[in-house]
Amino acid sequence: MWEQGKFKQFLDFIKRREKNGFDSYFEAAMGMPIERVIPLWQDYLARIAARRSEIVRLPLSATLPNEEAFHKFAASYGISVSSE
């Protein structure tokens, strides 16, 4: 959902208890039934698997002093922080 820019919308649907005719808040946020989401999920998993060696090099945790340091940290590891 984050990569699709749908996470905030997901939370909004939950807050409003609205599913827009779908069976779940997840489907409502994605704007499609789960059957259409599955290929997106499979593609995501394939991309994660391809980057496994990079991912396991990430620190388990980090405390940063400010937003600028966070953005530098994220950029240095190739982490997307954009929700759009």
Protein backbone atom coordinates (compact mmCIF):
# COMPACT_ATOMS: atom_id res chain seq x y z
CA MET A 1 0.00 0.00 0.00
CA TRP A 2 2.82 2.38 0.81
CA GLU A 3 4.38 2.06 -2.65
CA GLN A 4 0.98 2.58 -4.26
CA GLY A 5 0.37 5.73 -2.20
CA LYS A 6 -2.67 4.14 -0.57
CA PHE A 7 -1.69 3.82 3.09
CA LYS A 8 -3.25 7.10 4.25
CA GLN A 9 -6.40 6.28 2.34
CA PHE A 10 -6.44 2.86 4.02
CA LEU A 11 -6.31 4.50 7.45
CA ASP A 12 -9.02 6.97 6.43
CA PHE A 13 -11.33 4.13 5.34
CA ILE A 14 -10.79 2.38 8.68
CA LYS A 15 -11.43 5.60 10.59
CA ARG A 16 -14.67 6.19 8.68
CA ARG A 17 -15.61 2.47 8.79
CA GLU A 18 -16.15 2.68 5.06
CA LYS A 19 -15.28 -0.03 2.54
CA ASN A 20 -16.68 1.55 -0.64
CA GLY A 21 -18.51 -1.65 -1.56
CA PHE A 22 -15.45 -3.89 -1.10
CA ASP A 23 -15.11 -6.77 1.34
CA SER A 24 -12.18 -5.18 3.19
CA TYR A 25 -10.60 -1.83 3.96
CA PHE A 26 -7.49 -3.04 2.14
CA GLU A 27 -9.42 -3.63 -1.08
CA ALA A 28 -11.21 -0.30 -0.70
CA ALA A 29 -7.92 1.57 -0.32
CA MET A 30 -6.41 -0.24 -3.30
CA GLY A 31 -9.58 0.39 -5.32
CA MET A 32 -9.73 -3.21 -6.53
CA PRO A 33 -10.66 -6.69 -5.35
CA ILE A 34 -7.98 -8.87 -3.79
CA GLU A 35 -7.72 -10.97 -6.96
CA ARG A 36 -6.35 -7.93 -8.81
CA VAL A 37 -4.02 -7.03 -5.94
CA ILE A 38 -2.33 -10.46 -5.92
CA PRO A 39 -0.18 -9.81 -9.05
CA LEU A 40 0.99 -6.50 -7.53
CA TRP A 41 1.90 -8.34 -4.32
CA GLN A 42 3.76 -11.04 -6.25
CA ASP A 43 5.71 -8.38 -8.14
CA TYR A 44 6.57 -6.67 -4.85
CA LEU A 45 7.82 -9.94 -3.36
CA ALA A 46 9.95 -10.62 -6.45
CA ARG A 47 11.52 -7.15 -6.18
CA ILE A 48 12.22 -7.70 -2.48
CA ALA A 49 13.80 -11.09 -3.17
CA ALA A 50 16.02 -9.50 -5.85
CA ARG A 51 17.25 -6.93 -3.30
CA ARG A 52 17.68 -9.38 -0.42
CA SER A 53 21.42 -8.85 -0.06
CA GLU A 54 20.91 -5.06 0.18
CA ILE A 55 18.05 -5.43 2.63
CA VAL A 56 19.91 -7.66 5.08
CA ARG A 57 22.68 -5.03 5.26
CA LEU A 58 20.27 -2.47 6.71
CA PRO A 59 20.84 -1.70 10.38
CA LEU A 60 18.29 -3.33 12.68
CA SER A 61 17.52 0.06 14.20
CA ALA A 62 18.72 3.64 14.12
CA THR A 63 18.05 6.77 16.12
CA LEU A 64 18.56 9.97 14.20
CA PRO A 65 18.66 13.53 15.54
CA ASN A 66 16.35 15.20 13.02
CA GLU A 67 14.41 14.91 9.77
CA GLU A 68 17.37 15.94 7.62
CA ALA A 69 19.48 13.14 9.10
CA PHE A 70 16.61 10.73 8.51
CA HIS A 71 16.36 11.68 4.84
CA LYS A 72 20.14 11.32 4.40
CA PHE A 73 20.00 7.94 6.11
CA ALA A 74 17.11 6.78 3.92
CA ALA A 75 18.81 8.00 0.74
CA SER A 76 22.08 6.31 1.64
CA TYR A 77 20.25 2.97 1.86
CA GLY A 78 17.96 3.57 -1.11
CA ILE A 79 14.85 3.66 1.08
CA SER A 80 11.84 5.40 -0.44
CA VAL A 81 10.04 7.64 2.02
CA SER A 82 7.60 9.20 -0.43
CA SER A 83 4.00 8.13 -0.02
CA GLU A 84 3.06 9.29 -3.52
